[in-house]
Protein backbone atom coordinates (compact mmCIF):
# COMPACT_ATOMS: atom_id res chain seq x y z
CA MET A 1 7.58 7.64 -52.82
CA ALA A 2 7.96 11.38 -53.47
CA LYS A 3 11.41 12.49 -54.57
CA ILE A 4 11.63 15.21 -51.89
CA ILE A 5 10.22 14.66 -48.40
CA ALA A 6 10.14 17.01 -45.41
CA VAL A 7 10.02 15.52 -41.92
CA ILE A 8 9.06 17.68 -38.92
CA ASP A 9 9.62 16.55 -35.34
CA ILE A 10 7.94 18.55 -32.56
CA GLY A 11 9.74 17.84 -29.31
CA SER A 12 9.33 19.32 -25.86
CA ASN A 13 12.32 21.61 -26.34
CA SER A 14 12.68 22.19 -30.08
CA ALA A 15 10.81 21.77 -33.32
CA ARG A 16 13.05 20.49 -36.11
CA MET A 17 12.69 19.88 -39.81
CA ALA A 18 14.83 17.84 -42.19
CA ILE A 19 14.28 17.75 -45.96
CA PHE A 20 15.57 14.71 -47.86
CA GLU A 21 16.01 14.14 -51.57
CA LYS A 22 15.81 10.65 -52.98
CA THR A 23 18.39 10.12 -55.75
CA SER A 24 17.50 6.52 -56.70
CA HIS A 25 15.60 3.54 -55.27
CA PHE A 26 17.39 3.65 -51.88
CA GLY A 27 19.90 6.47 -52.36
CA PHE A 28 19.17 9.78 -50.61
CA HIS A 29 20.81 12.81 -49.08
CA LEU A 30 19.90 15.68 -46.80
CA LEU A 31 18.83 18.85 -48.66
CA TYR A 32 18.09 21.12 -45.73
CA GLU A 33 17.78 21.11 -41.95
CA THR A 34 16.53 23.67 -39.48
CA LYS A 35 15.27 23.94 -35.92
CA SER A 36 13.50 26.39 -33.66
CA LYS A 37 13.72 26.37 -29.89
CA VAL A 38 9.97 26.76 -29.43
CA ARG A 39 9.95 24.97 -26.08
CA ILE A 40 6.32 24.02 -26.44
CA SER A 41 6.37 22.30 -23.04
CA GLU A 42 7.42 25.46 -21.16
CA SER A 43 5.58 25.66 -17.80
CA SER A 44 3.42 22.64 -18.72
CA TYR A 45 4.94 20.35 -16.07
CA GLN A 46 3.96 22.91 -13.42
CA ASN A 47 0.41 22.99 -14.82
CA ASN A 48 -0.53 19.30 -14.89
CA GLY A 49 0.81 18.88 -18.41
CA PHE A 50 -1.41 21.55 -20.04
CA LEU A 51 0.29 23.35 -22.95
CA GLN A 52 0.43 27.10 -22.33
CA GLU A 53 -0.77 29.71 -24.83
CA ILE A 54 2.52 31.54 -25.49
CA PRO A 55 4.58 28.37 -26.13
CA MET A 56 1.83 27.08 -28.44
CA GLN A 57 1.87 30.30 -30.45
CA ARG A 58 5.69 30.14 -30.70
CA ALA A 59 5.41 26.61 -32.05
CA LEU A 60 2.73 27.54 -34.60
CA HIS A 61 4.79 30.44 -35.93
CA ALA A 62 7.84 28.17 -36.34
CA LEU A 63 5.77 25.42 -37.98
CA SER A 64 4.27 27.91 -40.42
CA ASP A 65 7.79 28.96 -41.40
CA PHE A 66 8.79 25.30 -41.78
CA LEU A 67 5.91 24.73 -44.21
CA PHE A 68 7.00 27.68 -46.33
CA ILE A 69 10.60 26.41 -46.43
CA ALA A 70 9.42 22.92 -47.38
CA LYS A 71 7.42 24.36 -50.27
CA THR A 72 10.42 26.35 -51.53
CA HIS A 73 12.30 23.04 -51.71
CA LYS A 74 9.35 21.54 -53.64
CA ALA A 75 8.68 18.88 -51.04
CA ARG A 76 5.87 16.66 -52.33
CA LYS A 77 5.28 14.99 -48.98
CA ILE A 78 5.43 16.41 -45.44
CA LEU A 79 5.49 14.05 -42.46
CA CYS A 80 5.07 15.61 -39.03
CA VAL A 81 5.31 13.81 -35.69
CA ALA A 82 5.02 15.08 -32.13
CA THR A 83 6.41 13.41 -29.05
CA SER A 84 6.27 13.71 -25.25
CA ALA A 85 4.96 17.24 -24.72
CA LEU A 86 1.91 16.74 -26.93
CA ARG A 87 1.13 13.15 -26.03
CA ASP A 88 1.10 14.10 -22.34
CA ALA A 89 -0.99 17.27 -22.80
CA PRO A 90 -4.68 17.11 -21.83
CA ASN A 91 -5.32 20.00 -24.30
CA LYS A 92 -3.43 18.47 -27.24
CA ALA A 93 -6.58 18.39 -29.41
CA HIS A 94 -6.72 22.19 -29.27
CA PHE A 95 -3.15 22.51 -30.55
CA LEU A 96 -3.71 19.93 -33.28
CA SER A 97 -6.72 21.90 -34.54
CA LEU A 98 -4.68 25.12 -34.62
CA ALA A 99 -1.97 23.30 -36.61
CA ARG A 100 -4.53 22.05 -39.13
CA LYS A 101 -5.55 25.66 -39.78
CA ILE A 102 -2.04 26.44 -41.02
CA GLY A 103 -2.11 23.35 -43.21
CA LEU A 104 -0.20 20.88 -41.06
CA ASN A 105 -1.43 17.46 -39.97
CA ILE A 106 0.46 16.29 -36.88
CA LYS A 107 0.71 12.67 -35.82
CA ILE A 108 1.33 12.19 -32.12
CA ILE A 109 3.49 9.12 -31.61
CA ASP A 110 3.75 7.09 -28.40
CA GLY A 111 7.01 6.41 -26.61
CA ASP A 112 7.53 3.01 -28.20
CA LYS A 113 7.17 4.47 -31.70
CA GLU A 114 9.55 7.31 -30.85
CA ALA A 115 12.12 4.78 -29.59
CA TYR A 116 11.59 2.70 -32.74
CA PHE A 117 12.21 5.64 -35.09
CA GLY A 118 15.46 6.56 -33.30
CA ALA A 119 16.63 2.95 -33.33
CA LEU A 120 15.71 2.51 -37.01
CA ALA A 121 17.88 5.51 -37.91
CA ALA A 122 20.81 4.30 -35.78
CA LEU A 123 20.61 0.74 -37.08
CA ASN A 124 20.63 1.78 -40.74
CA LEU A 125 22.88 4.85 -40.65
CA LEU A 126 25.55 4.02 -38.05
CA PRO A 127 28.38 1.50 -38.63
CA TYR A 128 27.31 -0.99 -35.93
CA GLN A 129 24.40 -3.40 -35.67
CA GLU A 130 24.35 -4.03 -31.92
CA GLY A 131 23.92 -1.76 -28.94
CA ILE A 132 21.42 0.35 -26.98
CA THR A 133 20.04 3.65 -28.23
CA ILE A 134 19.30 6.46 -25.81
CA ASP A 135 17.47 9.60 -26.88
CA ILE A 136 17.01 12.17 -24.12
CA GLY A 137 14.36 14.75 -24.94
CA GLY A 138 12.76 17.57 -23.02
CA GLY A 139 9.98 15.43 -21.57
CA SER A 140 10.95 11.80 -22.05
CA THR A 141 13.83 9.44 -22.72
CA GLU A 142 13.56 6.63 -25.26
CA CYS A 143 15.78 3.55 -25.40
CA ALA A 144 15.93 0.57 -27.74
CA LEU A 145 17.94 -2.64 -27.62
CA ILE A 146 19.50 -3.68 -30.94
CA GLN A 147 20.91 -7.18 -31.44
CA ASN A 148 21.85 -9.14 -34.56
CA ASN A 149 20.81 -6.28 -36.82
CA LYS A 150 17.30 -6.16 -35.31
CA ILE A 151 15.41 -3.93 -32.87
CA ILE A 152 14.69 -6.35 -30.02
CA ASP A 153 12.94 -4.18 -27.45
CA LYS A 154 11.94 -0.55 -26.80
CA ILE A 155 11.09 1.52 -23.74
CA SER A 156 10.06 5.10 -23.02
CA LEU A 157 10.64 6.76 -19.64
CA ASN A 158 9.13 10.00 -18.34
CA LEU A 159 12.60 11.48 -17.91
CA GLY A 160 13.47 14.67 -19.78
CA THR A 161 15.68 17.71 -19.51
CA ILE A 162 12.86 20.25 -19.22
CA ARG A 163 10.87 17.99 -16.89
CA LEU A 164 13.88 17.73 -14.52
CA LYS A 165 14.62 21.43 -14.83
CA GLU A 166 11.12 22.59 -13.90
CA LEU A 167 10.44 19.96 -11.22
CA PHE A 168 13.85 19.89 -9.48
CA LEU A 169 16.86 21.76 -10.86
CA ASP A 170 15.27 25.23 -10.96
CA LYS A 171 14.64 24.71 -7.22
CA GLY A 172 18.23 23.61 -6.57
CA ASP A 173 17.10 20.09 -5.72
CA LEU A 174 19.82 17.95 -7.33
CA LYS A 175 19.27 15.15 -4.82
CA GLY A 176 15.59 15.00 -5.71
CA ALA A 177 16.45 14.97 -9.42
CA LYS A 178 18.85 12.03 -8.93
CA GLU A 179 16.28 10.06 -6.95
CA PHE A 180 13.65 10.78 -9.61
CA VAL A 181 15.96 9.56 -12.41
CA LEU A 182 17.04 6.43 -10.53
CA SER A 183 13.45 5.52 -9.65
CA HIS A 184 12.56 5.52 -13.36
CA LEU A 185 15.71 3.65 -14.38
CA LYS A 186 14.76 0.87 -11.96
CA THR A 187 11.82 0.10 -14.25
CA MET A 188 14.24 -0.64 -17.12
CA PRO A 189 14.07 -4.34 -18.19
CA SER A 190 17.10 -6.29 -16.95
CA HIS A 191 18.15 -7.29 -20.49
CA PHE A 192 18.89 -3.66 -21.37
CA LYS A 193 22.63 -4.22 -20.95
CA HIS A 194 25.30 -3.57 -23.58
CA GLU A 195 28.81 -2.17 -23.81
CA ARG A 196 27.97 -0.01 -26.83
CA ILE A 197 25.56 2.90 -26.53
CA PHE A 198 24.20 4.96 -29.42
CA GLY A 199 23.72 8.52 -28.17
CA ILE A 200 20.83 10.16 -30.05
CA GLY A 201 19.53 13.70 -29.66
CA GLY A 202 20.69 17.10 -28.46
CA THR A 203 22.11 16.05 -25.09
CA ALA A 204 24.30 13.29 -26.56
CA ARG A 205 25.53 15.59 -29.33
CA ALA A 206 26.32 18.42 -26.91
CA LEU A 207 28.33 16.07 -24.68
CA SER A 208 30.27 14.72 -27.67
CA LYS A 209 31.03 18.22 -28.98
CA SER A 210 32.44 19.17 -25.58
CA ILE A 211 34.59 16.02 -25.48
CA GLN A 212 35.87 16.67 -29.00
CA LYS A 213 36.96 20.17 -27.96
CA GLN A 214 38.61 18.88 -24.77
CA THR A 215 40.62 16.30 -26.68
CA CYS A 216 41.36 18.52 -29.72
CA TYR A 217 39.78 15.83 -31.88
CA PRO A 218 41.19 16.36 -35.39
CA LEU A 219 38.00 15.82 -37.40
CA ASP A 220 35.16 18.32 -37.54
CA THR A 221 32.30 15.81 -37.75
CA LEU A 222 30.01 14.40 -35.09
CA HIS A 223 28.04 11.49 -36.56
CA ALA A 224 29.71 8.18 -35.56
CA PHE A 225 32.18 9.90 -33.20
CA GLU A 226 33.16 7.41 -30.48
CA TYR A 227 34.57 7.73 -26.98
CA ASP A 228 35.22 5.63 -23.87
CA PHE A 229 32.39 6.19 -21.37
CA ASN A 230 34.49 5.41 -18.29
CA MET A 231 36.99 8.14 -19.21
CA TYR A 232 34.29 10.83 -19.02
CA GLN A 233 32.08 9.82 -16.08
CA ASP A 234 33.73 12.45 -13.87
CA PHE A 235 33.15 15.04 -16.59
CA PHE A 236 29.44 14.25 -16.78
CA LYS A 237 29.20 14.56 -12.99
CA THR A 238 31.00 17.91 -13.13
CA LEU A 239 28.45 19.15 -15.68
CA TYR A 240 25.37 18.52 -13.56
CA THR A 241 26.94 19.63 -10.27
CA SER A 242 28.49 22.89 -11.55
CA ASN A 243 27.10 26.39 -11.40
CA PRO A 244 25.35 27.01 -14.76
CA LYS A 245 27.50 30.13 -15.19
CA ASP A 246 30.57 27.89 -15.41
CA LEU A 247 29.21 25.64 -18.18
CA PRO A 248 30.65 27.68 -21.11
CA LYS A 249 34.12 26.93 -19.67
CA LEU A 250 33.24 23.24 -20.15
CA ASN A 251 32.57 23.86 -23.85
CA ILE A 252 28.79 23.92 -23.52
CA LYS A 253 27.10 26.26 -25.99
CA GLU A 254 24.77 28.95 -24.72
CA ASP A 255 21.63 27.40 -26.22
CA ARG A 256 22.29 24.18 -24.25
CA ILE A 257 23.13 25.69 -20.85
CA ASP A 258 19.58 25.51 -19.47
CA SER A 259 19.02 21.87 -20.48
CA ILE A 260 22.42 20.14 -20.40
CA GLN A 261 22.55 19.55 -16.65
CA GLY A 262 19.39 17.46 -16.58
CA GLY A 263 20.50 15.73 -19.78
CA ALA A 264 23.95 14.92 -18.42
CA LEU A 265 22.42 13.54 -15.21
CA ILE A 266 20.06 11.22 -17.10
CA PHE A 267 22.78 10.20 -19.56
CA HIS A 268 25.32 9.42 -16.84
CA LEU A 269 23.01 7.37 -14.63
CA ALA A 270 21.39 5.55 -17.57
CA LEU A 271 24.73 4.49 -19.05
CA GLN A 272 25.84 3.20 -15.67
CA THR A 273 22.63 1.13 -15.59
CA PHE A 274 23.41 -0.26 -19.06
CA ASN A 275 27.02 -1.23 -18.07
CA ALA A 276 28.22 0.96 -20.95
CA LYS A 277 31.82 1.12 -22.11
CA CYS A 278 31.69 2.81 -25.51
CA VAL A 279 29.50 5.68 -26.72
CA VAL A 280 28.83 6.13 -30.44
CA THR A 281 27.37 9.54 -31.26
CA SER A 282 24.43 9.60 -33.63
CA GLY A 283 23.81 12.60 -35.85
CA VAL A 284 20.52 10.99 -36.87
CA GLY A 285 17.38 10.34 -34.89
CA VAL A 286 13.59 10.49 -35.01
CA ARG A 287 13.39 12.56 -38.23
CA GLU A 288 15.65 10.17 -40.13
CA GLY A 289 13.75 7.26 -38.61
CA VAL A 290 10.41 8.63 -39.87
CA PHE A 291 11.95 9.12 -43.33
CA LEU A 292 13.47 5.63 -43.39
CA HIS A 293 10.22 4.07 -42.18
CA ASP A 294 8.61 5.54 -45.29
CA LEU A 295 11.54 4.77 -47.62
CA LEU A 296 11.95 1.15 -46.46
CA ARG A 297 8.28 0.32 -45.94
CA HIS A 298 8.49 -2.50 -48.51
CA SER A 299 11.91 -3.74 -47.33
CA ASN A 300 11.20 -4.72 -43.73
CA GLY A 301 12.84 -1.55 -42.45
CA ALA A 302 16.33 -2.41 -43.74
CA PHE A 303 18.54 -1.66 -46.71
CA PRO A 304 19.82 -4.54 -48.86
CA THR A 305 22.90 -6.34 -47.47
CA ASN A 306 26.10 -4.30 -47.81
CA PHE A 307 24.16 -1.33 -49.20
CA ASN A 308 25.25 2.16 -48.18
CA PRO A 309 22.70 4.91 -48.97
CA SER A 310 25.22 7.77 -48.96
CA LEU A 311 27.54 5.84 -51.31
CA ARG A 312 24.60 5.28 -53.64
CA SER A 313 23.63 8.95 -53.47
CA ILE A 314 27.19 10.12 -54.25
CA LYS A 315 27.37 7.80 -57.25
CA ASP A 316 23.95 8.98 -58.45
CA ARG A 317 24.94 12.65 -58.27
CA PHE A 318 28.63 12.82 -59.09
CA ILE A 319 29.82 9.80 -61.07
CA ASN A 320 29.92 10.85 -64.72
CA ASN A 321 31.34 7.58 -66.05
CA PRO A 322 29.80 4.58 -64.26
CA TYR A 323 31.64 2.10 -66.52
CA LYS A 324 35.02 3.54 -65.53
CA SER A 325 34.01 3.47 -61.84
CA LYS A 326 32.94 -0.20 -62.00
CA THR A 327 36.05 -1.17 -63.98
CA THR A 328 38.44 0.40 -61.46
CA LYS A 329 36.64 -1.40 -58.63
CA MET A 330 36.75 -4.74 -60.50
CA LEU A 331 40.48 -4.46 -61.23
CA LEU A 332 41.31 -3.49 -57.66
CA SER A 333 39.35 -6.47 -56.35
CA LYS A 334 41.29 -8.82 -58.66
CA LEU A 335 44.60 -7.28 -57.62
CA ILE A 336 43.96 -7.58 -53.89
CA HIS A 337 42.79 -11.18 -54.24
CA SER A 338 45.82 -12.09 -56.34
CA LEU A 339 48.15 -10.74 -53.65
CA ASP A 340 46.44 -12.77 -50.89
CA ASN A 341 47.90 -10.45 -48.24
CA GLU A 342 46.23 -10.93 -44.83
CA SER A 343 47.21 -7.44 -43.66
CA LEU A 344 45.12 -5.86 -46.44
CA LYS A 345 41.89 -7.78 -45.80
CA PRO A 346 40.52 -5.49 -43.01
CA PHE A 347 40.62 -2.59 -45.49
CA TYR A 348 39.34 -4.42 -48.56
CA LYS A 349 35.75 -3.13 -48.56
CA HIS A 350 36.72 0.49 -48.00
CA THR A 351 39.49 0.47 -50.60
CA LEU A 352 36.92 -0.76 -53.14
CA ILE A 353 34.71 2.24 -52.24
CA ALA A 354 37.70 4.51 -52.92
CA ALA A 355 38.07 2.83 -56.32
CA GLU A 356 34.42 3.49 -57.17
CA LEU A 357 34.66 7.14 -56.14
CA CYS A 358 38.18 8.12 -57.19
CA ASP A 359 36.87 10.27 -60.10
CA ILE A 360 34.04 12.14 -58.38
CA GLY A 361 36.17 15.29 -58.04
CA ILE A 362 35.92 15.72 -61.82
CA SER A 363 32.38 17.00 -61.21
CA LEU A 364 33.94 20.18 -59.86
CA ASN A 365 37.35 20.46 -61.54
CA PHE A 366 39.39 17.89 -63.44
CA TYR A 367 42.78 19.33 -62.55
CA GLU A 368 42.06 19.24 -58.82
CA LYS A 369 39.96 16.07 -58.92
CA ASN A 370 41.87 14.31 -56.13
CA HIS A 371 41.60 17.25 -53.76
CA HIS A 372 37.92 17.87 -54.45
CA GLY A 373 37.09 14.17 -54.52
CA SER A 374 38.64 13.64 -51.11
CA TYR A 375 36.59 16.51 -49.65
CA PHE A 376 33.41 15.26 -51.34
CA VAL A 377 33.90 11.78 -49.93
CA PHE A 378 34.66 12.68 -46.34
CA ASN A 379 31.76 15.10 -46.08
CA ALA A 380 29.15 13.23 -48.11
CA LEU A 381 29.95 9.59 -47.36
CA ASN A 382 28.60 10.01 -43.85
CA TYR A 383 26.34 7.02 -43.20
CA ALA A 384 27.19 3.52 -41.92
CA LEU A 385 30.94 4.16 -41.72
CA THR A 386 33.28 4.95 -38.82
CA HIS A 387 35.41 8.10 -38.89
CA LYS A 388 38.49 5.98 -39.57
CA GLU A 389 36.83 4.27 -42.52
CA ARG A 390 35.66 7.56 -44.04
CA LEU A 391 39.10 9.07 -43.56
CA LEU A 392 40.83 6.07 -45.17
CA ILE A 393 38.62 6.30 -48.27
CA ALA A 394 39.14 10.08 -48.53
CA THR A 395 42.92 9.76 -48.07
CA LEU A 396 43.28 7.10 -50.77
CA ILE A 397 41.38 9.33 -53.19
CA ARG A 398 43.47 12.36 -52.16
CA TYR A 399 46.75 10.62 -53.02
CA ASN A 400 45.57 8.52 -55.96
CA GLY A 401 48.54 8.36 -58.39
CA LYS A 402 50.77 10.25 -55.96
CA LYS A 403 53.22 9.36 -53.22
CA ILE A 404 51.80 9.48 -49.70
CA PRO A 405 53.84 11.90 -47.56
CA GLN A 406 55.59 10.82 -44.39
CA ASN A 407 54.06 13.70 -42.40
CA LEU A 408 50.53 12.68 -43.31
CA GLU A 409 47.69 14.61 -41.68
CA TYR A 410 45.43 12.61 -39.29
CA LYS A 411 48.03 9.83 -39.20
CA GLU A 412 46.77 8.65 -35.80
CA LEU A 413 43.39 7.72 -37.32
CA LEU A 414 44.75 5.90 -40.37
CA PRO A 415 46.30 2.46 -40.93
CA GLN A 416 50.08 2.09 -40.63
CA LEU A 417 51.91 4.04 -43.33
CA GLU A 418 53.26 0.83 -44.89
CA ILE A 419 49.72 -0.57 -45.35
CA LEU A 420 48.41 2.77 -46.55
CA CYS A 421 51.13 3.02 -49.22
CA ILE A 422 50.31 -0.48 -50.53
CA LEU A 423 46.57 0.28 -50.69
CA ASN A 424 47.29 3.57 -52.45
CA PHE A 425 49.57 1.83 -54.96
CA LEU A 426 46.95 -0.81 -55.76
CA LEU A 427 44.23 1.81 -56.18
CA SER A 428 46.45 3.94 -58.42
CA LEU A 429 47.42 0.91 -60.50
CA SER A 430 43.77 -0.10 -60.93
CA ASP A 431 42.78 3.45 -61.88
CA ILE A 432 45.40 3.54 -64.66
CA LEU A 433 44.55 0.05 -65.94
CA SER A 434 40.84 0.92 -66.11
CA TYR A 435 41.71 2.56 -69.45
CA HIS A 436 42.88 -0.75 -70.89
CA LYS A 437 40.97 -1.63 -74.08
CA ASN A 438 39.90 -4.99 -72.63
CA PRO A 439 40.17 -4.63 -68.83
CA LYS A 440 38.16 -7.78 -68.09
CA GLN A 441 40.80 -9.81 -69.92
CA LEU A 442 43.63 -8.40 -67.85
CA GLU A 443 45.37 -11.01 -65.72
CA PHE A 444 47.72 -10.27 -62.86
CA SER A 445 50.59 -12.53 -61.99
CA CYS A 446 51.83 -11.77 -58.48
CA ILE A 447 54.98 -13.50 -57.29
CA ASP A 448 56.08 -13.25 -53.67
CA SER A 449 59.75 -14.14 -53.33
CA GLY A 450 59.69 -13.69 -49.57
CA PHE A 451 61.60 -10.45 -49.92
CA GLU A 452 59.69 -8.71 -52.68
CA THR A 453 56.29 -8.95 -54.39
CA THR A 454 56.38 -8.67 -58.17
CA ILE A 455 53.26 -7.83 -60.16
CA ASN A 456 53.59 -8.91 -63.79
CA LEU A 457 51.58 -7.12 -66.48
CA ALA A 458 51.47 -7.81 -70.21
CA ASN A 459 49.80 -6.55 -73.41
CA LEU A 460 49.59 -2.92 -72.36
CA SER A 461 49.33 0.06 -74.67
CA TYR A 462 52.10 2.62 -75.00
CA THR A 463 50.34 5.32 -72.94
CA LEU A 464 49.46 2.89 -70.16
CA LYS A 465 53.11 1.84 -69.91
CA GLU A 466 54.08 5.52 -69.73
CA LYS A 467 51.70 6.17 -66.85
CA LEU A 468 52.75 3.02 -64.97
CA ASN A 469 56.43 3.95 -65.24
CA LYS A 470 55.66 7.16 -63.34
CA LEU A 471 53.68 5.42 -60.61
CA PRO A 472 55.17 5.57 -57.07
CA ILE A 473 55.87 1.99 -55.99
CA PRO A 474 55.99 1.11 -52.27
CA PRO A 475 58.97 -0.73 -50.73
CA LEU A 476 59.10 -4.49 -51.25
CA PHE A 477 56.97 -4.21 -54.39
CA LYS A 478 58.03 -4.40 -58.03
CA LEU A 479 56.07 -3.78 -61.21
CA ASN A 480 57.19 -5.89 -64.16
CA ILE A 481 55.72 -4.54 -67.41
CA CYS A 482 56.15 -6.88 -70.36
């Protein structure tokens, strides 16, 4: 597989490109992303699906620019797919020939394949392995049912934001739009029911951004953002029944105003059909799915068990001392197991990630390694983890070797302060002991008296003892250094 791959997705509303760099066998990260609102399907639904000349020329200009950008990033492979607008167009062959003249080979994918790519991205890059994906585009809506870590079924419906806009909403026919949506949803297989929905695409992201602003959500990140569907059903209804001029007051950006009403209508009615309770926002979709299909073509479309591609990519790029990273993780694992504390077990996996990454800030500046490391982690460790998990890892790295303050930022998204202080203490202790001359021979003796837990350590060097004596120790814990 080429080290750098560009993936272009030509939708009814926008053409988008993502460029990925592979850092190791399965590790990768996003190098660049761009989009152009070419709206290739403009006026096509009023003309029996035929693509019109001006929208086609807009798309070709944007695609030509995409190719230039891909070359500047030294992409060795360019994968381009097109969805609803082209597969429905009687004159699609004409557009494909024009694209070949600018050096681009476009693969038109059917609805099932489009649903599969979105589901493949959600399954591998979101923190849950069960649910229903919904990806509302300009011309169609794709859904996939995921169970037991597998894509069970897929469906594509001729429901899209631009299709609804041109056929109904531009004429003020909201009732007709509702009936049209419901008639298509009735064709949905009865087993498409699940409490958790993965919202893919521009409509789902726009709705989540608006909800984040309404609730003053403390984190500025969208991928894996979750909310309760029932709490926002009235809001969705308000969106598609309001005057478009009022949409900015509902935190809808200008570039979404002409498509969000149809999108919100489809989203609302579809999620009611699914019996949804929780929505998980996906920042990934068809482009990531196309990339992963290529990356995982010899692995049955899945990463190895417990593998996180963004963790691998961070380690590939920023860990300067892999031995130290592995040693800190090993010692922390031994410490947690020796304590046998049930309250720590839910956070075990993520505390180990913090141990592996606690030195990545050195890549930028040793003296501010905790601060930079915390920022690195929260913004780069973005796949297959919830916001709370990412924040926990970043917070432990931020306060490694330091006392966690009482007025901690984002406290509502973190474990109880008592648990957080214990995890921080264990990480800090492991980080210091990773400089032991024979760390694998270190043994921990943990004694729980019922009132206090004592950790006994022996055969330590002078400098290690110095560092441990300065270590903040949480209440009900004692460090006995022999």
